Amino acid sequence: MKTKLAVSLIAISMIFGLIPAAMISAEDSTSTPTSTSVDLPCMQTAVEKRDNAVIAAWDALFASIKTALQTRRDALETAWGITNRKERTKAVKDTWTAFRKANKEAQKNF
């Protein structure tokens, strides 16, 4: 008896369009709007701003790394001019430590 009643209610609802109407209203409330228009000048401006920021960040990183490399080059040149082996070893080690620190700092700021 209950199944006949349920089938009858579903059939009546389908005939009168109650289920499709409920499904449409449910879809409308959960779906995202499907707009096909795009604000082209806005997109162009957004792309320009984003890419300029990325370029500036890379320029800053490269400048920091270049400075670290130049400092390392000069310090190693000076260190290898030291004739005392113990002092030279310490100077070379300190130069590489300073370079690694500068390189990590540049990466951190990137």
Protein backbone atom coordinates (compact mmCIF):
# COMPACT_ATOMS: atom_id res chain seq x y z
CA MET A 1 0.00 0.00 0.00
CA LYS A 2 2.79 2.43 0.93
CA THR A 3 4.72 1.73 -2.27
CA LYS A 4 1.63 2.32 -4.40
CA LEU A 5 1.11 5.64 -2.61
CA ALA A 6 4.76 6.65 -3.09
CA VAL A 7 4.69 5.71 -6.78
CA SER A 8 1.45 7.61 -7.23
CA LEU A 9 2.86 10.73 -5.57
CA ILE A 10 6.00 10.61 -7.70
CA ALA A 11 3.94 10.12 -10.85
CA ILE A 12 1.63 13.02 -9.99
CA SER A 13 4.62 15.22 -9.12
CA MET A 14 6.29 14.42 -12.40
CA ILE A 15 3.13 15.11 -14.31
CA PHE A 16 2.70 18.51 -12.73
CA GLY A 17 6.41 19.31 -12.89
CA LEU A 18 7.00 19.63 -9.18
CA ILE A 19 10.18 17.53 -9.12
CA PRO A 20 11.81 19.23 -12.10
CA ALA A 21 10.94 22.64 -10.66
CA ALA A 22 12.49 21.68 -7.32
CA MET A 23 15.60 20.38 -9.08
CA ILE A 24 15.97 23.57 -11.11
CA SER A 25 15.66 25.80 -8.06
CA ALA A 26 18.18 23.64 -6.19
CA GLU A 27 20.63 23.87 -9.08
CA ASP A 28 20.23 27.64 -9.31
CA SER A 29 21.10 28.12 -5.65
CA THR A 30 24.23 25.96 -5.71
CA SER A 31 25.72 26.57 -9.14
CA THR A 32 28.09 29.36 -9.98
CA PRO A 33 27.07 32.04 -12.42
CA THR A 34 28.09 31.30 -15.97
CA SER A 35 28.91 34.67 -17.39
CA THR A 36 30.68 34.57 -20.72
CA SER A 37 31.65 38.23 -20.76
CA VAL A 38 35.14 39.16 -19.59
CA ASP A 39 36.36 42.64 -18.74
CA LEU A 40 39.33 42.63 -21.14
CA PRO A 41 40.96 45.90 -20.05
CA CYS A 42 40.77 44.73 -16.44
CA MET A 43 42.44 41.44 -17.34
CA GLN A 44 45.19 43.25 -19.25
CA THR A 45 45.87 45.49 -16.26
CA ALA A 46 45.89 42.53 -13.88
CA VAL A 47 48.35 40.59 -16.05
CA GLU A 48 50.63 43.61 -16.34
CA LYS A 49 50.64 44.25 -12.58
CA ARG A 50 51.22 40.58 -11.75
CA ASP A 51 54.03 40.10 -14.23
CA ASN A 52 55.72 43.37 -13.28
CA ALA A 53 55.71 42.25 -9.64
CA VAL A 54 57.21 38.87 -10.59
CA ILE A 55 59.89 40.55 -12.70
CA ALA A 56 60.75 42.96 -9.87
CA ALA A 57 61.06 40.07 -7.41
CA TRP A 58 63.39 38.15 -9.72
CA ASP A 59 65.47 41.30 -10.34
CA ALA A 60 65.86 41.81 -6.59
CA LEU A 61 66.85 38.16 -6.07
CA PHE A 62 69.38 38.24 -8.88
CA ALA A 63 70.86 41.52 -7.59
CA SER A 64 71.28 40.03 -4.11
CA ILE A 65 72.88 36.85 -5.44
CA LYS A 66 75.15 38.83 -7.75
CA THR A 67 76.36 40.92 -4.81
CA ALA A 68 76.96 37.76 -2.76
CA LEU A 69 78.93 36.20 -5.62
CA GLN A 70 81.07 39.31 -6.10
CA THR A 71 81.77 39.50 -2.38
CA ARG A 72 82.69 35.81 -2.32
CA ARG A 73 84.97 36.20 -5.33
CA ASP A 74 86.87 39.09 -3.75
CA ALA A 75 87.11 37.41 -0.34
CA LEU A 76 88.35 34.13 -1.83
CA GLU A 77 90.93 35.97 -3.89
CA THR A 78 92.18 37.65 -0.75
CA ALA A 79 92.06 34.39 1.24
CA TRP A 80 94.10 32.51 -1.32
CA GLY A 81 96.76 35.23 -1.07
CA ILE A 82 97.40 34.31 2.57
CA THR A 83 100.58 32.28 2.90
CA ASN A 84 99.89 30.81 6.36
CA ARG A 85 97.95 27.59 5.75
CA LYS A 86 95.93 27.71 8.97
CA GLU A 87 94.88 31.35 8.46
CA ARG A 88 94.12 30.72 4.77
CA THR A 89 91.93 27.72 5.58
CA LYS A 90 89.99 29.74 8.14
CA ALA A 91 89.56 32.65 5.71
CA VAL A 92 88.29 30.35 2.93
CA LYS A 93 85.90 28.63 5.32
CA ASP A 94 84.61 31.96 6.67
CA THR A 95 84.14 33.24 3.10
CA TRP A 96 82.01 30.24 2.13
CA THR A 97 80.00 30.51 5.35
CA ALA A 98 79.28 34.18 4.68
CA PHE A 99 78.31 33.38 1.08
CA ARG A 100 75.89 30.65 2.14
CA LYS A 101 74.34 33.00 4.70
CA ALA A 102 73.94 35.78 2.10
CA ASN A 103 72.49 33.34 -0.41
CA LYS A 104 69.96 31.98 2.10
CA GLU A 105 68.97 35.51 3.07
CA ALA A 106 68.40 36.41 -0.59
CA GLN A 107 66.24 33.30 -1.06
CA LYS A 108 64.32 34.09 2.12
CA ASN A 109 63.54 37.62 0.95
CA PHE A 110 62.46 36.33 -2.46
